[in-house]
Amino acid sequence: MNTVLLYVRSIIFLLVALFALPAMAGQQTLLILGDSLSAAYGVPSETAWVQLLRQRMQDNGLDNWQVVNASISGETTDGGVRRLPELIEKNSPSVVIIELGGNDGLRGFPPKVIKSNLASMVERVQNSGAQAVLVGMQIPPNYGQRYTHMFAELFPAISDSYNTALVPFFLEGIYNKDTLMQDDGIHPTAEAQPMLLENIWPVLSPLLE
């Protein structure tokens, strides 16, 4: 009796696994590796651009995608380099959004170091078989014209070198409007979150479809 029961259970388990296989095979992961701009700093999480992205994907029938947000407030490119290998191993993403570099610039890190770290992350993503989306950033002009120019040019330069998707400037249309920026002048308000999504969606959507 026990042998028969064990056999029946094995057959049931096999059938369930076979039916689940197509769905599992079609499941893909979008990994977001970012800083406070993607970690919902100062805004309700349900209004943040990442949550709006999840809703947009669902509305567009992209149900086979899951979004893993590994963003941390205060994160730098150095931290991203350290964390990325484990995140890729754990999540096996098909697309990785790299939204880092802003904190490096605000802290005056050497452009060569920032560029090296961003390039390392893009290489890691591409070597895993995933596609990278690099999110460009700019810093205030009070850091000096030479530094701000060198910083802004890092992102298109890396995009050209590695032939990767690029969002030219994540805060385009937002950074210079007081009503769309929090009091610190660095982080977008809840009202600006849909605009962040619109800045990234045209670049991201072709990779999802």
C-alpha atoms as a PDB file:
ATOM      1  CA  MET A   1       0.000   0.000   0.000  1.00  0.00           C
ATOM      2  CA  ASN A   2       2.781   2.403   0.897  1.00  0.00           C
ATOM      3  CA  THR A   3       4.563   1.582  -2.349  1.00  0.00           C
ATOM      4  CA  VAL A   4       1.411   2.294  -4.402  1.00  0.00           C
ATOM      5  CA  LEU A   5       0.815   5.559  -2.554  1.00  0.00           C
ATOM      6  CA  LEU A   6       4.399   6.635  -3.119  1.00  0.00           C
ATOM      7  CA  TYR A   7       4.070   5.809  -6.824  1.00  0.00           C
ATOM      8  CA  VAL A   8       0.870   7.848  -7.163  1.00  0.00           C
ATOM      9  CA  ARG A   9       2.420  10.797  -5.391  1.00  0.00           C
ATOM     10  CA  SER A  10       5.437  10.630  -7.692  1.00  0.00           C
ATOM     11  CA  ILE A  11       3.198  10.682 -10.772  1.00  0.00           C
ATOM     12  CA  ILE A  12       1.251  13.681  -9.423  1.00  0.00           C
ATOM     13  CA  PHE A  13       4.462  15.556  -8.652  1.00  0.00           C
ATOM     14  CA  LEU A  14       5.785  14.858 -12.151  1.00  0.00           C
ATOM     15  CA  LEU A  15       2.585  16.087 -13.807  1.00  0.00           C
ATOM     16  CA  VAL A  16       2.568  19.270 -11.747  1.00  0.00           C
ATOM     17  CA  ALA A  17       6.205  19.912 -12.644  1.00  0.00           C
ATOM     18  CA  LEU A  18       5.541  19.367 -16.348  1.00  0.00           C
ATOM     19  CA  PHE A  19       2.590  21.742 -16.385  1.00  0.00           C
ATOM     20  CA  ALA A  20       4.577  24.377 -14.505  1.00  0.00           C
ATOM     21  CA  LEU A  21       7.621  24.100 -16.770  1.00  0.00           C
ATOM     22  CA  PRO A  22       6.389  26.349 -19.614  1.00  0.00           C
ATOM     23  CA  ALA A  23       5.501  29.142 -17.213  1.00  0.00           C
ATOM     24  CA  MET A  24       8.831  28.862 -15.446  1.00  0.00           C
ATOM     25  CA  ALA A  25      10.711  28.810 -18.736  1.00  0.00           C
ATOM     26  CA  GLY A  26       8.995  32.019 -19.853  1.00  0.00           C
ATOM     27  CA  GLN A  27       9.617  33.881 -16.627  1.00  0.00           C
ATOM     28  CA  GLN A  28      12.182  36.659 -16.940  1.00  0.00           C
ATOM     29  CA  THR A  29      13.676  39.054 -14.423  1.00  0.00           C
ATOM     30  CA  LEU A  30      14.406  42.756 -14.646  1.00  0.00           C
ATOM     31  CA  LEU A  31      16.998  43.734 -12.046  1.00  0.00           C
ATOM     32  CA  ILE A  32      17.339  47.361 -10.963  1.00  0.00           C
ATOM     33  CA  LEU A  33      20.655  48.290  -9.356  1.00  0.00           C
ATOM     34  CA  GLY A  34      20.338  51.880  -8.232  1.00  0.00           C
ATOM     35  CA  ASP A  35      20.614  54.464  -5.506  1.00  0.00           C
ATOM     36  CA  SER A  36      18.053  56.612  -3.685  1.00  0.00           C
ATOM     37  CA  LEU A  37      16.449  57.739  -6.950  1.00  0.00           C
ATOM     38  CA  SER A  38      15.245  54.161  -7.416  1.00  0.00           C
ATOM     39  CA  ALA A  39      14.861  53.288  -3.726  1.00  0.00           C
ATOM     40  CA  ALA A  40      11.830  55.573  -3.217  1.00  0.00           C
ATOM     41  CA  TYR A  41      13.698  58.020  -0.999  1.00  0.00           C
ATOM     42  CA  GLY A  42      11.300  60.537   0.519  1.00  0.00           C
ATOM     43  CA  VAL A  43       8.230  59.316  -1.384  1.00  0.00           C
ATOM     44  CA  PRO A  44       5.600  56.657  -0.647  1.00  0.00           C
ATOM     45  CA  SER A  45       6.737  53.358  -2.141  1.00  0.00           C
ATOM     46  CA  GLU A  46       3.479  52.921  -4.030  1.00  0.00           C
ATOM     47  CA  THR A  47       4.123  56.171  -5.925  1.00  0.00           C
ATOM     48  CA  ALA A  48       7.778  55.446  -6.761  1.00  0.00           C
ATOM     49  CA  TRP A  49       8.793  55.025 -10.389  1.00  0.00           C
ATOM     50  CA  VAL A  50       9.766  51.373  -9.886  1.00  0.00           C
ATOM     51  CA  GLN A  51       6.264  50.530  -8.672  1.00  0.00           C
ATOM     52  CA  LEU A  52       4.808  52.524 -11.557  1.00  0.00           C
ATOM     53  CA  LEU A  53       7.032  50.467 -13.856  1.00  0.00           C
ATOM     54  CA  ARG A  54       5.603  47.237 -12.458  1.00  0.00           C
ATOM     55  CA  GLN A  55       2.109  48.537 -13.148  1.00  0.00           C
ATOM     56  CA  ARG A  56       3.066  49.672 -16.659  1.00  0.00           C
ATOM     57  CA  MET A  57       4.497  46.264 -17.469  1.00  0.00           C
ATOM     58  CA  GLN A  58       1.353  44.556 -16.210  1.00  0.00           C
ATOM     59  CA  ASP A  59      -0.840  46.911 -18.235  1.00  0.00           C
ATOM     60  CA  ASN A  60       1.208  46.089 -21.324  1.00  0.00           C
ATOM     61  CA  GLY A  61       0.775  42.346 -20.907  1.00  0.00           C
ATOM     62  CA  LEU A  62       4.348  41.729 -19.779  1.00  0.00           C
ATOM     63  CA  ASP A  63       3.207  39.285 -17.120  1.00  0.00           C
ATOM     64  CA  ASN A  64       6.178  37.007 -17.742  1.00  0.00           C
ATOM     65  CA  TRP A  65       8.475  39.624 -16.208  1.00  0.00           C
ATOM     66  CA  GLN A  66       9.245  40.187 -12.556  1.00  0.00           C
ATOM     67  CA  VAL A  67      11.008  43.301 -11.249  1.00  0.00           C
ATOM     68  CA  VAL A  68      13.674  42.935  -8.563  1.00  0.00           C
ATOM     69  CA  ASN A  69      14.629  46.298  -7.089  1.00  0.00           C
ATOM     70  CA  ALA A  70      18.052  46.049  -5.455  1.00  0.00           C
ATOM     71  CA  SER A  71      18.473  49.808  -5.077  1.00  0.00           C
ATOM     72  CA  ILE A  72      19.925  51.276  -1.868  1.00  0.00           C
ATOM     73  CA  SER A  73      19.950  54.917  -0.809  1.00  0.00           C
ATOM     74  CA  GLY A  74      23.489  56.279  -0.796  1.00  0.00           C
ATOM     75  CA  GLU A  75      24.813  53.522  -3.055  1.00  0.00           C
ATOM     76  CA  THR A  76      27.917  54.246  -5.135  1.00  0.00           C
ATOM     77  CA  THR A  77      29.366  52.542  -8.197  1.00  0.00           C
ATOM     78  CA  ASP A  78      31.903  50.847  -5.938  1.00  0.00           C
ATOM     79  CA  GLY A  79      29.080  49.302  -3.912  1.00  0.00           C
ATOM     80  CA  GLY A  80      27.347  48.283  -7.108  1.00  0.00           C
ATOM     81  CA  VAL A  81      30.454  46.481  -8.343  1.00  0.00           C
ATOM     82  CA  ARG A  82      30.642  44.524  -5.084  1.00  0.00           C
ATOM     83  CA  ARG A  83      26.961  43.579  -4.953  1.00  0.00           C
ATOM     84  CA  LEU A  84      26.260  42.840  -8.612  1.00  0.00           C
ATOM     85  CA  PRO A  85      27.819  39.338  -8.917  1.00  0.00           C
ATOM     86  CA  GLU A  86      25.670  37.914  -6.117  1.00  0.00           C
ATOM     87  CA  LEU A  87      22.554  39.646  -7.455  1.00  0.00           C
ATOM     88  CA  ILE A  88      23.095  38.151 -10.900  1.00  0.00           C
ATOM     89  CA  GLU A  89      23.745  34.698  -9.471  1.00  0.00           C
ATOM     90  CA  LYS A  90      20.635  34.853  -7.289  1.00  0.00           C
ATOM     91  CA  ASN A  91      18.195  36.348  -9.810  1.00  0.00           C
ATOM     92  CA  SER A  92      19.514  35.330 -13.266  1.00  0.00           C
ATOM     93  CA  PRO A  93      18.208  38.567 -14.815  1.00  0.00           C
ATOM     94  CA  SER A  94      17.589  39.073 -18.515  1.00  0.00           C
ATOM     95  CA  VAL A  95      17.844  42.872 -18.238  1.00  0.00           C
ATOM     96  CA  VAL A  96      19.742  44.937 -15.670  1.00  0.00           C
ATOM     97  CA  ILE A  97      19.177  48.660 -15.143  1.00  0.00           C
ATOM     98  CA  ILE A  98      22.308  50.323 -13.761  1.00  0.00           C
ATOM     99  CA  GLU A  99      21.223  53.572 -12.111  1.00  0.00           C
ATOM    100  CA  LEU A 100      24.386  54.516 -10.258  1.00  0.00           C
ATOM    101  CA  GLY A 101      27.012  57.225 -10.314  1.00  0.00           C
ATOM    102  CA  GLY A 102      25.119  60.196  -8.912  1.00  0.00           C
ATOM    103  CA  ASN A 103      26.477  59.756  -5.391  1.00  0.00           C
ATOM    104  CA  ASP A 104      29.982  59.319  -6.770  1.00  0.00           C
ATOM    105  CA  GLY A 105      29.693  62.648  -8.556  1.00  0.00           C
ATOM    106  CA  LEU A 106      28.249  64.465  -5.571  1.00  0.00           C
ATOM    107  CA  ARG A 107      31.179  63.206  -3.489  1.00  0.00           C
ATOM    108  CA  GLY A 108      33.709  64.296  -6.095  1.00  0.00           C
ATOM    109  CA  PHE A 109      35.031  60.832  -6.886  1.00  0.00           C
ATOM    110  CA  PRO A 110      37.593  60.751  -9.733  1.00  0.00           C
ATOM    111  CA  PRO A 111      35.863  60.319 -13.113  1.00  0.00           C
ATOM    112  CA  LYS A 112      38.293  57.532 -14.070  1.00  0.00           C
ATOM    113  CA  VAL A 113      37.213  55.509 -11.025  1.00  0.00           C
ATOM    114  CA  ILE A 114      33.512  56.043 -11.737  1.00  0.00           C
ATOM    115  CA  LYS A 115      33.992  55.089 -15.381  1.00  0.00           C
ATOM    116  CA  SER A 116      35.944  51.977 -14.470  1.00  0.00           C
ATOM    117  CA  ASN A 117      33.252  50.848 -12.025  1.00  0.00           C
ATOM    118  CA  LEU A 118      30.395  51.459 -14.464  1.00  0.00           C
ATOM    119  CA  ALA A 119      32.265  49.648 -17.224  1.00  0.00           C
ATOM    120  CA  SER A 120      32.940  46.727 -14.886  1.00  0.00           C
ATOM    121  CA  MET A 121      29.226  46.420 -14.100  1.00  0.00           C
ATOM    122  CA  VAL A 122      28.222  46.578 -17.756  1.00  0.00           C
ATOM    123  CA  GLU A 123      30.778  43.879 -18.582  1.00  0.00           C
ATOM    124  CA  ARG A 124      29.521  41.691 -15.762  1.00  0.00           C
ATOM    125  CA  VAL A 125      25.940  42.027 -16.988  1.00  0.00           C
ATOM    126  CA  GLN A 126      26.822  41.300 -20.610  1.00  0.00           C
ATOM    127  CA  ASN A 127      29.036  38.343 -19.697  1.00  0.00           C
ATOM    128  CA  SER A 128      26.081  36.827 -17.846  1.00  0.00           C
ATOM    129  CA  GLY A 129      24.037  36.931 -21.042  1.00  0.00           C
ATOM    130  CA  ALA A 130      21.798  39.781 -19.870  1.00  0.00           C
ATOM    131  CA  GLN A 131      21.273  43.186 -21.435  1.00  0.00           C
ATOM    132  CA  ALA A 132      22.334  46.331 -19.600  1.00  0.00           C
ATOM    133  CA  VAL A 133      20.522  49.655 -19.466  1.00  0.00           C
ATOM    134  CA  LEU A 134      22.794  52.480 -18.343  1.00  0.00           C
ATOM    135  CA  VAL A 135      21.011  55.436 -16.735  1.00  0.00           C
ATOM    136  CA  GLY A 136      22.813  58.717 -17.297  1.00  0.00           C
ATOM    137  CA  MET A 137      23.153  61.354 -14.616  1.00  0.00           C
ATOM    138  CA  GLN A 138      24.425  64.933 -14.303  1.00  0.00           C
ATOM    139  CA  ILE A 139      25.548  66.924 -11.272  1.00  0.00           C
ATOM    140  CA  PRO A 140      25.093  70.605 -10.332  1.00  0.00           C
ATOM    141  CA  PRO A 141      27.429  73.139 -12.012  1.00  0.00           C
ATOM    142  CA  ASN A 142      28.888  74.273  -8.682  1.00  0.00           C
ATOM    143  CA  TYR A 143      31.307  71.330  -8.908  1.00  0.00           C
ATOM    144  CA  GLY A 144      33.121  73.174 -11.670  1.00  0.00           C
ATOM    145  CA  GLN A 145      32.583  73.128 -15.419  1.00  0.00           C
ATOM    146  CA  ARG A 146      35.411  70.703 -16.140  1.00  0.00           C
ATOM    147  CA  TYR A 147      34.322  68.103 -13.584  1.00  0.00           C
ATOM    148  CA  THR A 148      30.611  68.313 -14.386  1.00  0.00           C
ATOM    149  CA  HIS A 149      31.365  67.920 -18.102  1.00  0.00           C
ATOM    150  CA  MET A 150      33.662  64.948 -17.551  1.00  0.00           C
ATOM    151  CA  PHE A 151      31.085  63.328 -15.291  1.00  0.00           C
ATOM    152  CA  ALA A 152      28.209  63.762 -17.739  1.00  0.00           C
ATOM    153  CA  GLU A 153      30.283  62.331 -20.590  1.00  0.00           C
ATOM    154  CA  LEU A 154      31.019  59.087 -18.707  1.00  0.00           C
ATOM    155  CA  PHE A 155      27.645  57.551 -19.475  1.00  0.00           C
ATOM    156  CA  PRO A 156      27.452  58.031 -23.271  1.00  0.00           C
ATOM    157  CA  ALA A 157      31.114  57.030 -23.567  1.00  0.00           C
ATOM    158  CA  ILE A 158      30.509  53.706 -21.813  1.00  0.00           C
ATOM    159  CA  SER A 159      27.293  53.166 -23.768  1.00  0.00           C
ATOM    160  CA  ASP A 160      29.200  53.644 -27.034  1.00  0.00           C
ATOM    161  CA  SER A 161      32.062  51.382 -25.966  1.00  0.00           C
ATOM    162  CA  TYR A 162      29.813  48.497 -24.937  1.00  0.00           C
ATOM    163  CA  ASN A 163      26.915  49.103 -27.327  1.00  0.00           C
ATOM    164  CA  THR A 164      24.460  49.182 -24.453  1.00  0.00           C
ATOM    165  CA  ALA A 165      21.121  50.950 -24.029  1.00  0.00           C
ATOM    166  CA  LEU A 166      21.365  54.436 -22.516  1.00  0.00           C
ATOM    167  CA  VAL A 167      18.942  56.771 -20.779  1.00  0.00           C
ATOM    168  CA  PRO A 168      20.706  60.106 -21.508  1.00  0.00           C
ATOM    169  CA  PHE A 169      19.668  61.943 -18.317  1.00  0.00           C
ATOM    170  CA  PHE A 170      17.359  60.394 -15.743  1.00  0.00           C
ATOM    171  CA  LEU A 171      16.232  63.753 -14.291  1.00  0.00           C
ATOM    172  CA  GLU A 172      15.515  65.396 -17.631  1.00  0.00           C
ATOM    173  CA  GLY A 173      12.607  67.827 -17.262  1.00  0.00           C
ATOM    174  CA  ILE A 174      12.654  67.411 -13.479  1.00  0.00           C
ATOM    175  CA  TYR A 175      15.882  68.690 -11.908  1.00  0.00           C
ATOM    176  CA  ASN A 176      15.263  72.373 -12.689  1.00  0.00           C
ATOM    177  CA  LYS A 177      11.686  72.583 -11.425  1.00  0.00           C
ATOM    178  CA  ASP A 178      11.276  73.327  -7.722  1.00  0.00           C
ATOM    179  CA  THR A 179       7.830  71.726  -7.582  1.00  0.00           C
ATOM    180  CA  LEU A 180       9.265  68.413  -8.794  1.00  0.00           C
ATOM    181  CA  MET A 181      12.256  68.286  -6.436  1.00  0.00           C
ATOM    182  CA  GLN A 182      12.319  67.691  -2.703  1.00  0.00           C
ATOM    183  CA  ASP A 183      13.701  70.361  -0.403  1.00  0.00           C
ATOM    184  CA  ASP A 184      17.194  68.867  -0.604  1.00  0.00           C
ATOM    185  CA  GLY A 185      17.328  69.709  -4.309  1.00  0.00           C
ATOM    186  CA  ILE A 186      18.567  66.202  -5.094  1.00  0.00           C
ATOM    187  CA  HIS A 187      15.607  63.840  -4.914  1.00  0.00           C
ATOM    188  CA  PRO A 188      12.444  64.025  -7.047  1.00  0.00           C
ATOM    189  CA  THR A 189       9.041  64.367  -5.394  1.00  0.00           C
ATOM    190  CA  ALA A 190       6.182  61.906  -5.679  1.00  0.00           C
ATOM    191  CA  GLU A 191       4.735  64.081  -8.461  1.00  0.00           C
ATOM    192  CA  ALA A 192       7.933  63.591 -10.477  1.00  0.00           C
ATOM    193  CA  GLN A 193       7.924  59.781 -10.318  1.00  0.00           C
ATOM    194  CA  PRO A 194       5.772  59.308 -13.464  1.00  0.00           C
ATOM    195  CA  MET A 195       8.236  61.532 -15.329  1.00  0.00           C
ATOM    196  CA  LEU A 196      11.144  59.340 -14.228  1.00  0.00           C
ATOM    197  CA  LEU A 197       9.296  56.372 -15.678  1.00  0.00           C
ATOM    198  CA  GLU A 198       8.648  58.232 -18.931  1.00  0.00           C
ATOM    199  CA  ASN A 199      12.355  59.083 -19.181  1.00  0.00           C
ATOM    200  CA  ILE A 200      13.353  55.442 -18.938  1.00  0.00           C
ATOM    201  CA  TRP A 201      10.437  53.629 -20.612  1.00  0.00           C
ATOM    202  CA  PRO A 202      11.288  54.379 -24.297  1.00  0.00           C
ATOM    203  CA  VAL A 203      14.741  52.871 -23.788  1.00  0.00           C
ATOM    204  CA  LEU A 204      13.637  49.941 -21.642  1.00  0.00           C
ATOM    205  CA  SER A 205      10.461  48.805 -23.367  1.00  0.00           C
ATOM    206  CA  PRO A 206      12.096  47.411 -26.555  1.00  0.00           C
ATOM    207  CA  LEU A 207      14.208  45.109 -24.384  1.00  0.00           C
ATOM    208  CA  LEU A 208      11.141  43.772 -22.589  1.00  0.00           C
ATOM    209  CA  GLU A 209       9.127  43.045 -25.712  1.00  0.00           C
END
